[in-house]
């Protein structure tokens, strides 16, 4: 095994360990980053959530564990998409992934796909999809999204510049 394979194995192990137990506390760096990007002070968070000033202060300074109820109040107050946050922290093991456009697309698909899938399959016998089948569907969907990206970029480049 060469160094790169060993490093990849190590990184996969770390991600698996990180995903093993997702606690509300693991979202704290994301909360702090969203507050910084939005120039939101803890006093603003108190007003938006109804959580006491002392509890917010202790939560943000890691002197107190964040409970699920407070986490969702804070997410709502800051406009954090819970599914996107869960994907970033739980699936990818990195809160920074919250800001990745691919994670945003995946979260949006998770939000809308159940309704479309249910409607499309309502008149048929439902069967499960094998892992290889899921991979083929993911590849096709990824290609469609990439094609849309290229077409959007082409249209933007063709758009005349104002004033010229």
Protein backbone atom coordinates (compact mmCIF):
# COMPACT_ATOMS: atom_id res chain seq x y z
CA UNK A 1 0.00 0.00 0.00
CA UNK A 2 1.46 3.35 -0.98
CA UNK A 3 1.24 6.59 1.00
CA UNK A 4 -1.76 7.95 -0.91
CA UNK A 5 -3.82 4.81 -0.35
CA UNK A 6 -2.87 4.82 3.33
CA UNK A 7 -3.83 8.50 3.57
CA UNK A 8 -7.17 7.86 1.83
CA UNK A 9 -7.91 4.97 4.19
CA UNK A 10 -7.08 7.19 7.15
CA UNK A 11 -9.34 10.00 5.86
CA UNK A 12 -12.21 7.53 5.26
CA UNK A 13 -11.81 6.20 8.80
CA UNK A 14 -11.91 9.73 10.22
CA UNK A 15 -15.06 10.53 8.22
CA UNK A 16 -16.70 7.31 9.40
CA UNK A 17 -15.83 8.08 13.02
CA UNK A 18 -17.13 11.63 12.62
CA UNK A 19 -20.40 10.35 11.18
CA UNK A 20 -20.77 7.71 13.87
CA UNK A 21 -22.17 10.14 16.40
CA UNK A 22 -23.62 13.39 15.17
CA UNK A 23 -24.26 15.63 18.14
CA UNK A 24 -25.77 19.11 18.01
CA UNK A 25 -22.41 20.44 19.24
CA UNK A 26 -20.82 19.46 15.91
CA UNK A 27 -22.90 22.20 14.24
CA UNK A 28 -21.45 24.98 16.42
CA UNK A 29 -18.65 25.98 13.98
CA UNK A 30 -21.27 26.31 11.22
CA UNK A 31 -23.49 28.45 13.45
CA UNK A 32 -20.57 30.71 14.36
CA UNK A 33 -19.55 31.04 10.69
CA UNK A 34 -23.09 31.93 9.57
CA UNK A 35 -23.28 34.51 12.33
CA UNK A 36 -19.94 36.00 11.24
CA UNK A 37 -20.93 36.10 7.56
CA UNK A 38 -24.21 37.79 8.43
CA UNK A 39 -22.65 40.11 11.02
CA UNK A 40 -25.12 38.67 13.54
CA UNK A 41 -24.33 39.28 17.19
CA UNK A 42 -25.38 37.01 20.04
CA UNK A 43 -27.87 39.70 21.13
CA UNK A 44 -29.52 39.40 17.70
CA UNK A 45 -29.68 35.64 18.14
CA UNK A 46 -31.35 36.11 21.55
CA UNK A 47 -34.04 38.29 19.93
CA UNK A 48 -34.55 35.93 16.98
CA UNK A 49 -34.73 32.70 18.99
CA UNK A 50 -36.21 33.71 22.34
CA UNK A 51 -33.40 31.79 24.03
CA UNK A 52 -31.98 33.61 27.05
CA UNK A 53 -28.84 35.70 26.71
CA UNK A 54 -26.94 33.59 29.24
CA UNK A 55 -27.87 30.32 27.50
CA UNK A 56 -26.84 31.68 24.08
CA UNK A 57 -23.57 32.88 25.54
CA UNK A 58 -22.87 29.50 27.15
CA UNK A 59 -23.84 27.64 23.96
CA UNK A 60 -21.59 29.74 21.73
CA UNK A 61 -18.65 29.49 24.14
CA UNK A 62 -19.13 25.71 24.43
CA UNK A 63 -19.77 25.96 28.19
CA UNK A 64 -23.11 24.24 27.61
CA UNK A 65 -24.21 21.53 25.19
CA UNK A 66 -26.70 22.54 22.51
CA UNK A 67 -29.93 20.58 22.77
CA UNK A 68 -31.94 19.69 19.66
CA UNK A 69 -34.69 22.22 20.39
CA UNK A 70 -32.19 25.09 20.70
CA UNK A 71 -30.33 23.88 17.62
CA UNK A 72 -33.43 24.08 15.45
CA UNK A 73 -34.41 27.48 16.88
CA UNK A 74 -30.92 28.75 16.03
CA UNK A 75 -31.00 27.17 12.56
CA UNK A 76 -34.34 28.85 11.88
CA UNK A 77 -33.17 32.20 13.20
CA UNK A 78 -30.02 32.12 11.05
CA UNK A 79 -31.65 30.67 7.93
CA UNK A 80 -29.57 27.49 8.11
CA UNK A 81 -31.07 24.64 6.10
CA UNK A 82 -31.15 21.66 8.51
CA UNK A 83 -30.86 19.04 5.73
CA UNK A 84 -27.90 20.82 4.17
CA UNK A 85 -26.25 21.15 7.58
CA UNK A 86 -26.83 17.47 8.30
CA UNK A 87 -25.32 16.50 4.95
CA UNK A 88 -22.27 18.68 5.54
CA UNK A 89 -21.63 17.60 9.11
CA UNK A 90 -23.08 14.09 9.08
CA UNK A 91 -22.38 12.75 5.61
CA UNK A 92 -19.23 14.66 4.70
CA UNK A 93 -17.94 15.27 8.22
CA UNK A 94 -17.03 18.89 7.49
CA UNK A 95 -19.24 21.83 8.40
CA UNK A 96 -17.52 23.88 5.66
CA UNK A 97 -19.26 21.68 3.07
CA UNK A 98 -22.50 23.49 3.98
CA UNK A 99 -21.42 26.26 1.61
CA UNK A 100 -20.63 23.87 -1.29
CA UNK A 101 -23.08 24.21 -4.19
CA UNK A 102 -23.19 20.44 -4.69
CA UNK A 103 -24.35 19.98 -1.09
CA UNK A 104 -26.99 22.65 -1.67
CA UNK A 105 -28.24 20.80 -4.76
CA UNK A 106 -28.29 17.46 -2.92
CA UNK A 107 -30.29 19.01 -0.05
CA UNK A 108 -32.75 20.55 -2.51
CA UNK A 109 -33.18 17.19 -4.24
CA UNK A 110 -33.79 15.44 -0.92
CA UNK A 111 -36.46 18.05 -0.22
CA UNK A 112 -38.36 17.73 -3.52
CA UNK A 113 -37.65 14.19 -4.72
CA UNK A 114 -40.04 12.29 -2.38
CA UNK A 115 -43.14 14.05 -3.77
CA UNK A 116 -42.12 13.54 -7.40
CA UNK A 117 -41.08 9.96 -6.79
CA UNK A 118 -44.29 9.14 -4.96
CA UNK A 119 -46.42 10.64 -7.71
CA UNK A 120 -44.45 8.98 -10.53
CA UNK A 121 -44.61 5.57 -8.85
CA UNK A 122 -48.23 5.77 -7.65
CA UNK A 123 -49.58 3.56 -10.45
CA UNK A 124 -46.87 0.91 -10.30
CA UNK A 125 -45.58 -1.88 -8.13
CA UNK A 126 -42.74 -0.37 -6.13
CA UNK A 127 -39.41 -2.14 -6.07
CA UNK A 128 -36.14 -1.23 -4.48
CA UNK A 129 -33.13 -0.11 -6.47
CA UNK A 130 -29.82 -1.91 -6.12
CA UNK A 131 -26.69 0.02 -5.17
CA UNK A 132 -25.34 -0.28 -8.76
CA UNK A 133 -28.70 0.98 -10.04
CA UNK A 134 -28.53 3.94 -7.67
CA UNK A 135 -25.03 4.70 -8.91
CA UNK A 136 -26.21 4.70 -12.54
CA UNK A 137 -29.06 7.08 -11.64
CA UNK A 138 -26.66 9.34 -9.71
CA UNK A 139 -24.28 9.43 -12.69
CA UNK A 140 -27.11 10.36 -15.07
CA UNK A 141 -28.44 13.04 -12.77
CA UNK A 142 -24.93 14.44 -12.24
CA UNK A 143 -24.43 14.60 -16.01
CA UNK A 144 -27.75 16.45 -16.39
CA UNK A 145 -26.76 18.97 -13.71
CA UNK A 146 -23.31 19.49 -15.30
CA UNK A 147 -24.93 19.95 -18.73
CA UNK A 148 -27.24 22.59 -17.23
CA UNK A 149 -24.18 24.33 -15.69
CA UNK A 150 -22.46 24.44 -19.11
CA UNK A 151 -25.60 25.76 -20.84
CA UNK A 152 -26.08 28.42 -18.17
CA UNK A 153 -22.46 29.50 -18.52
CA UNK A 154 -22.79 29.65 -22.33
CA UNK A 155 -25.92 31.83 -22.09
CA UNK A 156 -24.20 34.17 -19.64
CA UNK A 157 -21.20 34.54 -21.95
CA UNK A 158 -23.48 35.28 -24.92
CA UNK A 159 -25.44 37.95 -23.02
CA UNK A 160 -24.52 41.43 -24.27
CA UNK A 161 -22.80 43.69 -21.77
CA UNK A 162 -24.93 46.73 -20.84
CA UNK A 163 -23.73 50.00 -22.31
CA UNK A 164 -21.82 48.48 -25.21
